[in-house]
C-alpha atoms as a PDB file:
ATOM      1  CA  UNK A   1      -0.233  -0.023   0.045  1.00  0.00           C
ATOM      2  CA  UNK A   2       0.908   3.327  -0.697  1.00  0.00           C
ATOM      3  CA  UNK A   3       0.889   5.457   2.132  1.00  0.00           C
ATOM      4  CA  UNK A   4       0.160   9.326   2.356  1.00  0.00           C
ATOM      5  CA  UNK A   5       2.322  10.466   5.153  1.00  0.00           C
ATOM      6  CA  UNK A   6       3.202  13.710   6.607  1.00  0.00           C
ATOM      7  CA  UNK A   7       5.061  14.487   9.740  1.00  0.00           C
ATOM      8  CA  UNK A   8       4.890  17.622  11.852  1.00  0.00           C
ATOM      9  CA  UNK A   9       7.331  18.354  14.982  1.00  0.00           C
ATOM     10  CA  UNK A  10       6.761  21.031  17.555  1.00  0.00           C
ATOM     11  CA  UNK A  11       9.564  22.017  20.261  1.00  0.00           C
ATOM     12  CA  UNK A  12      10.094  25.080  21.934  1.00  0.00           C
ATOM     13  CA  UNK A  13       7.499  27.440  20.110  1.00  0.00           C
ATOM     14  CA  UNK A  14       9.234  26.189  16.954  1.00  0.00           C
ATOM     15  CA  UNK A  15       7.701  23.486  13.920  1.00  0.00           C
ATOM     16  CA  UNK A  16       9.497  21.205  11.579  1.00  0.00           C
ATOM     17  CA  UNK A  17       7.370  19.031   8.599  1.00  0.00           C
ATOM     18  CA  UNK A  18       8.719  16.158   6.846  1.00  0.00           C
ATOM     19  CA  UNK A  19       6.765  14.516   3.844  1.00  0.00           C
ATOM     20  CA  UNK A  20       8.147  13.362  -0.056  1.00  0.00           C
ATOM     21  CA  UNK A  21       6.857  16.770  -1.313  1.00  0.00           C
ATOM     22  CA  UNK A  22       9.376  19.253   0.445  1.00  0.00           C
ATOM     23  CA  UNK A  23      12.960  19.605   1.263  1.00  0.00           C
ATOM     24  CA  UNK A  24      13.034  17.302   4.429  1.00  0.00           C
ATOM     25  CA  UNK A  25      11.921  13.986   3.250  1.00  0.00           C
ATOM     26  CA  UNK A  26      11.079  10.571   4.828  1.00  0.00           C
ATOM     27  CA  UNK A  27      12.247   7.874   3.430  1.00  0.00           C
ATOM     28  CA  UNK A  28      11.445   5.129   6.625  1.00  0.00           C
ATOM     29  CA  UNK A  29       9.786   5.399   9.944  1.00  0.00           C
ATOM     30  CA  UNK A  30       9.918   2.528  12.280  1.00  0.00           C
ATOM     31  CA  UNK A  31       7.820   2.362  15.661  1.00  0.00           C
ATOM     32  CA  UNK A  32       4.650   3.893  14.849  1.00  0.00           C
ATOM     33  CA  UNK A  33       2.621   0.561  14.473  1.00  0.00           C
ATOM     34  CA  UNK A  34       2.904  -0.679  18.395  1.00  0.00           C
ATOM     35  CA  UNK A  35       5.544  -0.795  21.322  1.00  0.00           C
ATOM     36  CA  UNK A  36       6.684  -3.581  23.255  1.00  0.00           C
ATOM     37  CA  UNK A  37       4.817  -5.336  26.118  1.00  0.00           C
ATOM     38  CA  UNK A  38       5.825  -6.945  29.115  1.00  0.00           C
ATOM     39  CA  UNK A  39       3.738  -9.736  30.816  1.00  0.00           C
ATOM     40  CA  UNK A  40       4.235 -10.037  34.573  1.00  0.00           C
ATOM     41  CA  UNK A  41       3.260 -13.283  35.928  1.00  0.00           C
ATOM     42  CA  UNK A  42       3.861 -15.544  38.909  1.00  0.00           C
ATOM     43  CA  UNK A  43       3.914 -19.243  39.148  1.00  0.00           C
ATOM     44  CA  UNK A  44       0.490 -21.394  39.370  1.00  0.00           C
ATOM     45  CA  UNK A  45      -0.981 -24.707  40.986  1.00  0.00           C
ATOM     46  CA  UNK A  46      -2.478 -25.056  37.799  1.00  0.00           C
ATOM     47  CA  UNK A  47      -0.845 -25.205  34.168  1.00  0.00           C
ATOM     48  CA  UNK A  48       0.952 -22.462  32.924  1.00  0.00           C
ATOM     49  CA  UNK A  49       1.154 -19.184  34.999  1.00  0.00           C
ATOM     50  CA  UNK A  50      -0.942 -16.613  36.285  1.00  0.00           C
ATOM     51  CA  UNK A  51      -0.789 -13.183  34.573  1.00  0.00           C
ATOM     52  CA  UNK A  52      -0.603 -10.282  37.195  1.00  0.00           C
ATOM     53  CA  UNK A  53      -0.488  -7.360  34.942  1.00  0.00           C
ATOM     54  CA  UNK A  54       0.554  -5.902  31.184  1.00  0.00           C
ATOM     55  CA  UNK A  55       2.806  -3.133  30.784  1.00  0.00           C
ATOM     56  CA  UNK A  56       3.559  -1.350  27.764  1.00  0.00           C
ATOM     57  CA  UNK A  57       7.085  -0.671  27.491  1.00  0.00           C
ATOM     58  CA  UNK A  58       8.699   3.078  26.340  1.00  0.00           C
ATOM     59  CA  UNK A  59       8.273   3.397  22.756  1.00  0.00           C
ATOM     60  CA  UNK A  60      11.150   4.106  20.679  1.00  0.00           C
ATOM     61  CA  UNK A  61      10.271   5.618  16.978  1.00  0.00           C
ATOM     62  CA  UNK A  62      13.296   5.634  14.473  1.00  0.00           C
ATOM     63  CA  UNK A  63      12.862   7.985  11.394  1.00  0.00           C
ATOM     64  CA  UNK A  64      15.218   7.945   8.400  1.00  0.00           C
ATOM     65  CA  UNK A  65      15.122  10.729   6.094  1.00  0.00           C
ATOM     66  CA  UNK A  66      17.235  12.782   3.688  1.00  0.00           C
ATOM     67  CA  UNK A  67      17.416  16.261   2.530  1.00  0.00           C
ATOM     68  CA  UNK A  68      17.048  17.842  -1.079  1.00  0.00           C
ATOM     69  CA  UNK A  69      20.310  18.940  -2.626  1.00  0.00           C
ATOM     70  CA  UNK A  70      19.478  22.547  -3.481  1.00  0.00           C
ATOM     71  CA  UNK A  71      20.893  26.191  -2.347  1.00  0.00           C
ATOM     72  CA  UNK A  72      18.852  25.463   1.127  1.00  0.00           C
ATOM     73  CA  UNK A  73      20.538  22.129   1.615  1.00  0.00           C
ATOM     74  CA  UNK A  74      23.348  23.428   4.586  1.00  0.00           C
ATOM     75  CA  UNK A  75      20.137  25.703   5.943  1.00  0.00           C
ATOM     76  CA  UNK A  76      17.889  22.628   6.172  1.00  0.00           C
ATOM     77  CA  UNK A  77      20.955  20.616   7.821  1.00  0.00           C
ATOM     78  CA  UNK A  78      21.565  23.538  10.479  1.00  0.00           C
ATOM     79  CA  UNK A  79      17.771  23.840  11.226  1.00  0.00           C
ATOM     80  CA  UNK A  80      17.467  20.320  11.706  1.00  0.00           C
ATOM     81  CA  UNK A  81      20.618  20.040  14.417  1.00  0.00           C
ATOM     82  CA  UNK A  82      19.033  22.817  16.413  1.00  0.00           C
ATOM     83  CA  UNK A  83      15.708  22.077  16.313  1.00  0.00           C
ATOM     84  CA  UNK A  84      16.070  18.430  17.756  1.00  0.00           C
ATOM     85  CA  UNK A  85      17.964  19.444  20.909  1.00  0.00           C
ATOM     86  CA  UNK A  86      18.144  16.455  23.305  1.00  0.00           C
ATOM     87  CA  UNK A  87      17.810  19.174  26.194  1.00  0.00           C
ATOM     88  CA  UNK A  88      14.107  19.925  24.925  1.00  0.00           C
ATOM     89  CA  UNK A  89      10.780  17.732  24.630  1.00  0.00           C
ATOM     90  CA  UNK A  90       8.647  17.881  21.977  1.00  0.00           C
ATOM     91  CA  UNK A  91       5.386  16.795  20.206  1.00  0.00           C
ATOM     92  CA  UNK A  92       5.026  14.700  16.827  1.00  0.00           C
ATOM     93  CA  UNK A  93       1.826  14.671  14.598  1.00  0.00           C
ATOM     94  CA  UNK A  94       1.496  12.212  11.999  1.00  0.00           C
ATOM     95  CA  UNK A  95      -1.227  12.379   9.496  1.00  0.00           C
ATOM     96  CA  UNK A  96      -1.454   9.150   7.865  1.00  0.00           C
ATOM     97  CA  UNK A  97      -4.111   8.005   5.195  1.00  0.00           C
ATOM     98  CA  UNK A  98      -6.286  10.447   6.707  1.00  0.00           C
ATOM     99  CA  UNK A  99      -5.438   9.342  10.229  1.00  0.00           C
ATOM    100  CA  UNK A 100      -4.174  12.149  12.605  1.00  0.00           C
ATOM    101  CA  UNK A 101      -2.613  11.720  15.765  1.00  0.00           C
ATOM    102  CA  UNK A 102       0.746  12.632  17.980  1.00  0.00           C
ATOM    103  CA  UNK A 103       2.865  11.588  20.468  1.00  0.00           C
ATOM    104  CA  UNK A 104       4.985  13.057  23.096  1.00  0.00           C
ATOM    105  CA  UNK A 105       8.930  12.532  22.391  1.00  0.00           C
ATOM    106  CA  UNK A 106      12.507  13.269  23.450  1.00  0.00           C
ATOM    107  CA  UNK A 107      15.429  12.806  20.911  1.00  0.00           C
ATOM    108  CA  UNK A 108      17.736   9.869  22.145  1.00  0.00           C
ATOM    109  CA  UNK A 109      20.260  10.055  18.861  1.00  0.00           C
ATOM    110  CA  UNK A 110      20.621  12.402  15.911  1.00  0.00           C
ATOM    111  CA  UNK A 111      22.982  11.650  13.411  1.00  0.00           C
ATOM    112  CA  UNK A 112      23.966  12.173   9.353  1.00  0.00           C
ATOM    113  CA  UNK A 113      24.955   9.106   7.776  1.00  0.00           C
ATOM    114  CA  UNK A 114      25.872  10.830   4.395  1.00  0.00           C
ATOM    115  CA  UNK A 115      28.585  13.373   3.813  1.00  0.00           C
ATOM    116  CA  UNK A 116      29.667  12.574   0.807  1.00  0.00           C
ATOM    117  CA  UNK A 117      29.852  15.846  -1.840  1.00  0.00           C
ATOM    118  CA  UNK A 118      27.601  14.624  -4.332  1.00  0.00           C
ATOM    119  CA  UNK A 119      24.726  12.645  -2.642  1.00  0.00           C
ATOM    120  CA  UNK A 120      22.212  13.946  -0.657  1.00  0.00           C
ATOM    121  CA  UNK A 121      22.615  14.261   3.338  1.00  0.00           C
ATOM    122  CA  UNK A 122      20.935  11.391   5.174  1.00  0.00           C
ATOM    123  CA  UNK A 123      20.071  11.306   8.430  1.00  0.00           C
ATOM    124  CA  UNK A 124      18.798   9.047  11.208  1.00  0.00           C
ATOM    125  CA  UNK A 125      16.384  10.153  14.043  1.00  0.00           C
ATOM    126  CA  UNK A 126      16.093   8.433  17.134  1.00  0.00           C
ATOM    127  CA  UNK A 127      13.027   9.188  19.375  1.00  0.00           C
ATOM    128  CA  UNK A 128      11.816   8.212  22.805  1.00  0.00           C
ATOM    129  CA  UNK A 129       8.404   8.299  24.277  1.00  0.00           C
ATOM    130  CA  UNK A 130       9.335   7.101  27.970  1.00  0.00           C
ATOM    131  CA  UNK A 131       6.340   8.406  29.901  1.00  0.00           C
ATOM    132  CA  UNK A 132       3.595   8.390  27.811  1.00  0.00           C
ATOM    133  CA  UNK A 133       4.098   5.316  24.961  1.00  0.00           C
ATOM    134  CA  UNK A 134       0.643   5.698  23.259  1.00  0.00           C
ATOM    135  CA  UNK A 135      -0.515   7.810  20.473  1.00  0.00           C
ATOM    136  CA  UNK A 136      -3.401  10.170  20.789  1.00  0.00           C
ATOM    137  CA  UNK A 137      -6.062  11.907  19.023  1.00  0.00           C
ATOM    138  CA  UNK A 138      -4.490  14.924  17.179  1.00  0.00           C
ATOM    139  CA  UNK A 139      -6.937  17.492  18.483  1.00  0.00           C
ATOM    140  CA  UNK A 140      -9.114  16.816  21.906  1.00  0.00           C
ATOM    141  CA  UNK A 141     -12.958  15.091  21.790  1.00  0.00           C
ATOM    142  CA  UNK A 142     -14.614  18.343  23.136  1.00  0.00           C
ATOM    143  CA  UNK A 143     -17.858  18.350  24.773  1.00  0.00           C
ATOM    144  CA  UNK A 144     -19.940  21.001  26.241  1.00  0.00           C
ATOM    145  CA  UNK A 145     -21.929  19.397  29.200  1.00  0.00           C
ATOM    146  CA  UNK A 146     -24.457  21.883  29.451  1.00  0.00           C
ATOM    147  CA  UNK A 147     -25.713  22.792  26.127  1.00  0.00           C
ATOM    148  CA  UNK A 148     -28.578  24.819  26.090  1.00  0.00           C
ATOM    149  CA  UNK A 149     -31.255  22.733  24.110  1.00  0.00           C
ATOM    150  CA  UNK A 150     -34.704  24.286  22.844  1.00  0.00           C
ATOM    151  CA  UNK A 151     -37.764  22.540  24.225  1.00  0.00           C
ATOM    152  CA  UNK A 152     -40.261  23.423  21.097  1.00  0.00           C
ATOM    153  CA  UNK A 153     -39.172  22.364  17.952  1.00  0.00           C
ATOM    154  CA  UNK A 154     -39.730  26.134  16.621  1.00  0.00           C
ATOM    155  CA  UNK A 155     -39.305  29.233  17.741  1.00  0.00           C
ATOM    156  CA  UNK A 156     -42.268  31.392  19.525  1.00  0.00           C
ATOM    157  CA  UNK A 157     -42.164  34.712  17.538  1.00  0.00           C
ATOM    158  CA  UNK A 158     -43.866  37.554  19.697  1.00  0.00           C
ATOM    159  CA  UNK A 159     -43.654  40.309  17.153  1.00  0.00           C
ATOM    160  CA  UNK A 160     -41.560  40.553  13.821  1.00  0.00           C
ATOM    161  CA  UNK A 161     -38.488  42.035  15.942  1.00  0.00           C
ATOM    162  CA  UNK A 162     -38.497  39.499  18.818  1.00  0.00           C
ATOM    163  CA  UNK A 163     -38.203  35.732  18.978  1.00  0.00           C
ATOM    164  CA  UNK A 164     -38.507  34.011  22.296  1.00  0.00           C
ATOM    165  CA  UNK A 165     -38.106  30.683  23.392  1.00  0.00           C
ATOM    166  CA  UNK A 166     -37.938  28.450  26.722  1.00  0.00           C
ATOM    167  CA  UNK A 167     -34.354  26.492  27.289  1.00  0.00           C
ATOM    168  CA  UNK A 168     -33.153  23.964  29.619  1.00  0.00           C
ATOM    169  CA  UNK A 169     -29.643  22.840  30.412  1.00  0.00           C
ATOM    170  CA  UNK A 170     -28.557  18.955  30.169  1.00  0.00           C
ATOM    171  CA  UNK A 171     -26.571  18.100  33.142  1.00  0.00           C
ATOM    172  CA  UNK A 172     -25.661  14.753  31.543  1.00  0.00           C
ATOM    173  CA  UNK A 173     -23.481  13.886  28.480  1.00  0.00           C
ATOM    174  CA  UNK A 174     -22.469  10.892  27.251  1.00  0.00           C
ATOM    175  CA  UNK A 175     -18.832  10.597  26.588  1.00  0.00           C
ATOM    176  CA  UNK A 176     -17.361   7.436  23.867  1.00  0.00           C
ATOM    177  CA  UNK A 177     -13.729   6.410  24.536  1.00  0.00           C
ATOM    178  CA  UNK A 178     -13.086   4.362  21.442  1.00  0.00           C
ATOM    179  CA  UNK A 179      -9.368   4.301  21.916  1.00  0.00           C
ATOM    180  CA  UNK A 180      -6.783   1.386  23.091  1.00  0.00           C
ATOM    181  CA  UNK A 181      -6.825   2.642  26.677  1.00  0.00           C
ATOM    182  CA  UNK A 182      -8.757   4.413  29.696  1.00  0.00           C
ATOM    183  CA  UNK A 183      -7.863   8.158  29.494  1.00  0.00           C
ATOM    184  CA  UNK A 184      -8.111  11.341  31.767  1.00  0.00           C
ATOM    185  CA  UNK A 185     -10.400  14.096  31.077  1.00  0.00           C
ATOM    186  CA  UNK A 186      -9.949  17.843  31.805  1.00  0.00           C
ATOM    187  CA  UNK A 187     -12.975  19.673  32.833  1.00  0.00           C
ATOM    188  CA  UNK A 188     -13.239  23.621  32.281  1.00  0.00           C
ATOM    189  CA  UNK A 189     -16.352  25.004  34.656  1.00  0.00           C
ATOM    190  CA  UNK A 190     -17.303  29.012  34.274  1.00  0.00           C
ATOM    191  CA  UNK A 191     -19.607  30.477  36.156  1.00  0.00           C
ATOM    192  CA  UNK A 192     -20.878  32.423  33.319  1.00  0.00           C
ATOM    193  CA  UNK A 193     -24.409  33.609  34.741  1.00  0.00           C
ATOM    194  CA  UNK A 194     -23.862  33.739  38.637  1.00  0.00           C
ATOM    195  CA  UNK A 195     -22.413  32.098  41.531  1.00  0.00           C
ATOM    196  CA  UNK A 196     -22.099  27.892  41.682  1.00  0.00           C
ATOM    197  CA  UNK A 197     -21.533  26.300  45.047  1.00  0.00           C
ATOM    198  CA  UNK A 198     -19.825  23.093  45.612  1.00  0.00           C
ATOM    199  CA  UNK A 199     -19.605  21.423  41.890  1.00  0.00           C
ATOM    200  CA  UNK A 200     -19.448  17.761  41.539  1.00  0.00           C
ATOM    201  CA  UNK A 201     -18.747  15.353  38.636  1.00  0.00           C
ATOM    202  CA  UNK A 202     -19.939  11.746  38.592  1.00  0.00           C
ATOM    203  CA  UNK A 203     -18.328   9.051  35.945  1.00  0.00           C
ATOM    204  CA  UNK A 204     -20.808   6.199  35.314  1.00  0.00           C
ATOM    205  CA  UNK A 205     -22.916   6.734  38.754  1.00  0.00           C
ATOM    206  CA  UNK A 206     -20.277   5.375  40.446  1.00  0.00           C
ATOM    207  CA  UNK A 207     -16.690   7.614  40.910  1.00  0.00           C
ATOM    208  CA  UNK A 208     -16.904  11.563  41.734  1.00  0.00           C
ATOM    209  CA  UNK A 209     -14.976  14.544  42.421  1.00  0.00           C
ATOM    210  CA  UNK A 210     -16.471  17.404  44.325  1.00  0.00           C
ATOM    211  CA  UNK A 211     -14.685  20.834  44.700  1.00  0.00           C
ATOM    212  CA  UNK A 212     -15.863  22.256  48.028  1.00  0.00           C
ATOM    213  CA  UNK A 213     -15.649  25.751  46.641  1.00  0.00           C
ATOM    214  CA  UNK A 214     -17.937  28.899  45.788  1.00  0.00           C
ATOM    215  CA  UNK A 215     -17.204  30.121  42.067  1.00  0.00           C
ATOM    216  CA  UNK A 216     -18.509  33.868  41.735  1.00  0.00           C
ATOM    217  CA  UNK A 217     -19.546  35.328  38.411  1.00  0.00           C
ATOM    218  CA  UNK A 218     -16.774  34.914  35.921  1.00  0.00           C
ATOM    219  CA  UNK A 219     -14.380  32.442  37.649  1.00  0.00           C
ATOM    220  CA  UNK A 220     -13.030  29.182  35.825  1.00  0.00           C
ATOM    221  CA  UNK A 221     -12.498  26.033  37.704  1.00  0.00           C
ATOM    222  CA  UNK A 222     -10.214  23.426  35.900  1.00  0.00           C
ATOM    223  CA  UNK A 223      -9.979  19.455  36.628  1.00  0.00           C
ATOM    224  CA  UNK A 224      -7.419  17.587  35.156  1.00  0.00           C
ATOM    225  CA  UNK A 225      -7.664  13.735  35.550  1.00  0.00           C
ATOM    226  CA  UNK A 226      -4.586  12.851  33.574  1.00  0.00           C
ATOM    227  CA  UNK A 227      -2.148  10.855  35.067  1.00  0.00           C
ATOM    228  CA  UNK A 228       0.845  13.457  35.677  1.00  0.00           C
ATOM    229  CA  UNK A 229      -0.944  16.108  35.215  1.00  0.00           C
ATOM    230  CA  UNK A 230      -3.977  15.594  37.987  1.00  0.00           C
ATOM    231  CA  UNK A 231      -4.813  19.240  39.081  1.00  0.00           C
ATOM    232  CA  UNK A 232      -7.743  21.318  40.479  1.00  0.00           C
ATOM    233  CA  UNK A 233      -7.103  25.305  39.777  1.00  0.00           C
ATOM    234  CA  UNK A 234      -9.692  28.213  40.355  1.00  0.00           C
ATOM    235  CA  UNK A 235      -8.465  30.961  38.419  1.00  0.00           C
ATOM    236  CA  UNK A 236      -5.056  29.442  37.957  1.00  0.00           C
ATOM    237  CA  UNK A 237      -4.669  29.070  41.648  1.00  0.00           C
ATOM    238  CA  UNK A 238      -3.972  25.809  42.893  1.00  0.00           C
ATOM    239  CA  UNK A 239      -7.290  24.346  45.381  1.00  0.00           C
ATOM    240  CA  UNK A 240      -6.673  20.703  45.317  1.00  0.00           C
ATOM    241  CA  UNK A 241      -6.790  20.994  48.958  1.00  0.00           C
ATOM    242  CA  UNK A 242     -10.501  21.761  48.722  1.00  0.00           C
ATOM    243  CA  UNK A 243     -11.745  18.132  46.655  1.00  0.00           C
ATOM    244  CA  UNK A 244     -13.983  16.299  48.792  1.00  0.00           C
ATOM    245  CA  UNK A 245     -12.077  13.766  50.590  1.00  0.00           C
ATOM    246  CA  UNK A 246     -13.553  10.752  48.870  1.00  0.00           C
ATOM    247  CA  UNK A 247     -12.847  12.469  45.400  1.00  0.00           C
ATOM    248  CA  UNK A 248     -11.342  10.249  42.792  1.00  0.00           C
ATOM    249  CA  UNK A 249      -8.997  11.363  39.685  1.00  0.00           C
ATOM    250  CA  UNK A 250     -11.188   9.272  37.591  1.00  0.00           C
ATOM    251  CA  UNK A 251     -10.415   7.848  33.473  1.00  0.00           C
ATOM    252  CA  UNK A 252     -13.000   7.230  31.106  1.00  0.00           C
ATOM    253  CA  UNK A 253     -12.853   3.550  30.484  1.00  0.00           C
ATOM    254  CA  UNK A 254     -12.673   2.051  27.040  1.00  0.00           C
ATOM    255  CA  UNK A 255     -16.600   2.303  25.543  1.00  0.00           C
ATOM    256  CA  UNK A 256     -19.515   4.507  26.548  1.00  0.00           C
ATOM    257  CA  UNK A 257     -19.191   6.603  29.742  1.00  0.00           C
ATOM    258  CA  UNK A 258     -21.541   8.865  31.421  1.00  0.00           C
ATOM    259  CA  UNK A 259     -20.606  11.854  32.968  1.00  0.00           C
ATOM    260  CA  UNK A 260     -23.214  14.232  34.748  1.00  0.00           C
ATOM    261  CA  UNK A 261     -22.689  17.186  37.317  1.00  0.00           C
ATOM    262  CA  UNK A 262     -24.627  18.336  40.253  1.00  0.00           C
ATOM    263  CA  UNK A 263     -24.018  21.378  42.862  1.00  0.00           C
ATOM    264  CA  UNK A 264     -25.493  22.929  45.735  1.00  0.00           C
ATOM    265  CA  UNK A 265     -26.658  26.024  44.232  1.00  0.00           C
ATOM    266  CA  UNK A 266     -26.322  27.584  40.438  1.00  0.00           C
ATOM    267  CA  UNK A 267     -26.592  24.768  38.537  1.00  0.00           C
ATOM    268  CA  UNK A 268     -27.904  26.780  35.256  1.00  0.00           C
ATOM    269  CA  UNK A 269     -25.002  29.307  35.767  1.00  0.00           C
ATOM    270  CA  UNK A 270     -22.259  27.361  34.591  1.00  0.00           C
ATOM    271  CA  UNK A 271     -21.295  26.283  31.150  1.00  0.00           C
ATOM    272  CA  UNK A 272     -18.937  23.354  31.398  1.00  0.00           C
ATOM    273  CA  UNK A 273     -16.690  21.923  28.366  1.00  0.00           C
ATOM    274  CA  UNK A 274     -15.322  18.453  28.583  1.00  0.00           C
ATOM    275  CA  UNK A 275     -11.709  17.634  26.908  1.00  0.00           C
ATOM    276  CA  UNK A 276     -10.032  14.334  26.248  1.00  0.00           C
ATOM    277  CA  UNK A 277      -7.616  12.431  24.340  1.00  0.00           C
ATOM    278  CA  UNK A 278      -8.276   8.803  22.973  1.00  0.00           C
ATOM    279  CA  UNK A 279      -4.747   6.912  23.306  1.00  0.00           C
ATOM    280  CA  UNK A 280      -3.998   4.192  20.626  1.00  0.00           C
ATOM    281  CA  UNK A 281      -1.394   1.395  20.590  1.00  0.00           C
ATOM    282  CA  UNK A 282      -0.040   2.548  16.950  1.00  0.00           C
ATOM    283  CA  UNK A 283      -1.088   4.739  13.885  1.00  0.00           C
END
């Protein structure tokens, strides 16, 4: 199969693109299909062993490419060296046959294989995704929890210059995670129309996270349940000490999930946006 493939790298507020139609080309890429796994097991009295856990190991991505031989050749070589700085993390965005995904990386090795005068400069780039070996959606799968929906199927016209209708809020939102792994979410709650007391978010009628704090009009509450990014902030200030003691930084299971919210006062004063990225074993 002839794959249509494009790579875009972002690091330190700079970008770099690689594909077959520009000066910096990709010859081969390895490590995007799947990472390696470790199966932990213990001895069993029955035949075989008992599996205790399965771990996805850090991912290594190897990219082989070359640089077009033209007036920009040396400038492109210099930019590659400066861009893939081992001291800086980055994100790689890959588009492959209309599938768009991304992954965090660190540079473990970068070298040039060819330095002959009349040949293209060829390079090998080794990237490691140590803490997060999964690919994710290139864009978040955002949903508005408090969407306003009309109660009537048509607007109520009072006069030629005024249209009225009765609207309600939906405190329940289905969230579908059709990736390959559970994933955390980010909740953004803004008190748009007045005060909101003690917001509580409940996932699948089971786990919940409750913030014992009042939001005044205009306040923004953010809750992040992703591993290594867990946080609760109000207008940018850390308020993790305000969460209920039985709260859980929950994750969306694979498949259909239902998230709902409630509060002590001001349930119709808040707008809530749910952001999450599905995780994949490969591209």
